[in-house]
Amino acid sequence: MTYKDSLFRMAVVGYCNSLPNIEKGTIPTNVSFKGNVGDKYIYQVKGIDSLIFEVLYLKDTKQVLVKAYDCSMSVVFE
C-alpha cells in the first residue's frame, strides 16, 4: 500500500464515519481501490456494490476531496 493509497483510503473512511448507514466503510480494510482516471481515484466499500467514491487530491491547496455516488444498481469492476 502506497502513501497516497492509504491517504485516500483513510479519506473514504472519514467520509463513511460521517454517515451512520455505512458502517462497513469505517474499517479501512473494507475500502478497496478500483482504478483511476487521470487524477481521480475510484474506491468502493466491500459489500456495498451500489456506492462508489471518487477521491481527488488538489496539489496546490493540499486537500483531499471525496465524493460519493449512490447508483440505482450494482456496479462491478473487473
Protein backbone atom coordinates (compact mmCIF):
# COMPACT_ATOMS: atom_id res chain seq x y z
CA MET A 1 0.00 0.00 0.00
CA THR A 2 1.48 3.32 -1.02
CA TYR A 3 1.32 6.55 0.94
CA LYS A 4 -1.20 8.06 -1.49
CA ASP A 5 -3.40 4.96 -1.40
CA SER A 6 -3.51 4.89 2.39
CA LEU A 7 -4.25 8.63 2.48
CA PHE A 8 -7.15 8.25 0.06
CA ARG A 9 -8.43 5.14 1.82
CA MET A 10 -8.50 7.00 5.15
CA ALA A 11 -10.31 9.92 3.48
CA VAL A 12 -13.04 7.50 2.37
CA VAL A 13 -13.17 6.04 5.90
CA GLY A 14 -13.57 9.55 7.31
CA TYR A 15 -16.40 10.22 4.86
CA CYS A 16 -18.11 6.97 5.86
CA ASN A 17 -17.75 7.86 9.55
CA SER A 18 -19.86 10.95 8.95
CA LEU A 19 -22.73 8.85 7.59
CA PRO A 20 -24.43 6.47 10.06
CA ASN A 21 -25.67 3.94 7.46
CA ILE A 22 -22.25 2.98 6.01
CA GLU A 23 -20.77 1.02 8.92
CA LYS A 24 -18.72 -1.26 6.65
CA GLY A 25 -16.86 1.77 5.29
CA THR A 26 -15.48 2.69 8.70
CA ILE A 27 -12.98 -0.19 8.51
CA PRO A 28 -10.02 0.61 6.20
CA THR A 29 -9.64 -2.99 5.03
CA ASN A 30 -13.18 -2.90 3.62
CA VAL A 31 -12.34 0.04 1.33
CA SER A 32 -10.79 -1.14 -1.93
CA PHE A 33 -9.14 0.74 -4.78
CA LYS A 34 -10.85 0.11 -8.14
CA GLY A 35 -8.96 2.35 -10.55
CA ASN A 36 -8.12 5.88 -11.54
CA VAL A 37 -8.96 8.23 -14.36
CA GLY A 38 -6.37 10.98 -14.59
CA ASP A 39 -6.03 12.45 -11.11
CA LYS A 40 -9.33 11.00 -9.82
CA TYR A 41 -9.20 7.75 -7.87
CA ILE A 42 -12.17 5.38 -7.54
CA TYR A 43 -12.84 3.39 -4.35
CA GLN A 44 -15.62 1.04 -3.31
CA VAL A 45 -16.65 -0.45 0.03
CA LYS A 46 -16.77 -4.25 0.06
CA GLY A 47 -20.33 -5.49 0.30
CA ILE A 48 -21.90 -2.26 -0.95
CA ASP A 49 -21.86 -2.54 -4.73
CA SER A 50 -24.08 0.46 -5.45
CA LEU A 51 -21.87 3.05 -3.72
CA ILE A 52 -18.77 4.47 -5.44
CA PHE A 53 -16.33 7.02 -4.03
CA GLU A 54 -14.35 9.47 -6.13
CA VAL A 55 -11.23 10.86 -4.44
CA LEU A 56 -9.35 13.86 -5.81
CA TYR A 57 -6.10 15.33 -4.47
CA LEU A 58 -5.59 19.05 -5.06
CA LYS A 59 -1.84 19.67 -5.16
CA ASP A 60 -1.99 23.45 -4.89
CA THR A 61 -4.07 23.51 -1.69
CA LYS A 62 -3.04 20.01 -0.46
CA GLN A 63 -6.66 18.98 0.06
CA VAL A 64 -8.31 15.61 -0.46
CA LEU A 65 -11.88 15.80 -1.77
CA VAL A 66 -14.23 12.83 -1.50
CA LYS A 67 -17.50 12.49 -3.41
CA ALA A 68 -19.88 9.57 -3.09
CA TYR A 69 -22.15 8.36 -5.86
CA ASP A 70 -25.11 6.16 -4.97
CA CYS A 71 -26.09 4.24 -8.09
CA SER A 72 -29.51 2.68 -8.57
CA MET A 73 -27.92 -0.64 -9.49
CA SER A 74 -24.81 -2.59 -8.52
CA VAL A 75 -21.52 -1.55 -10.11
CA VAL A 76 -19.00 -4.36 -10.59
CA PHE A 77 -15.39 -3.67 -11.59
CA GLU A 78 -13.48 -6.43 -13.35
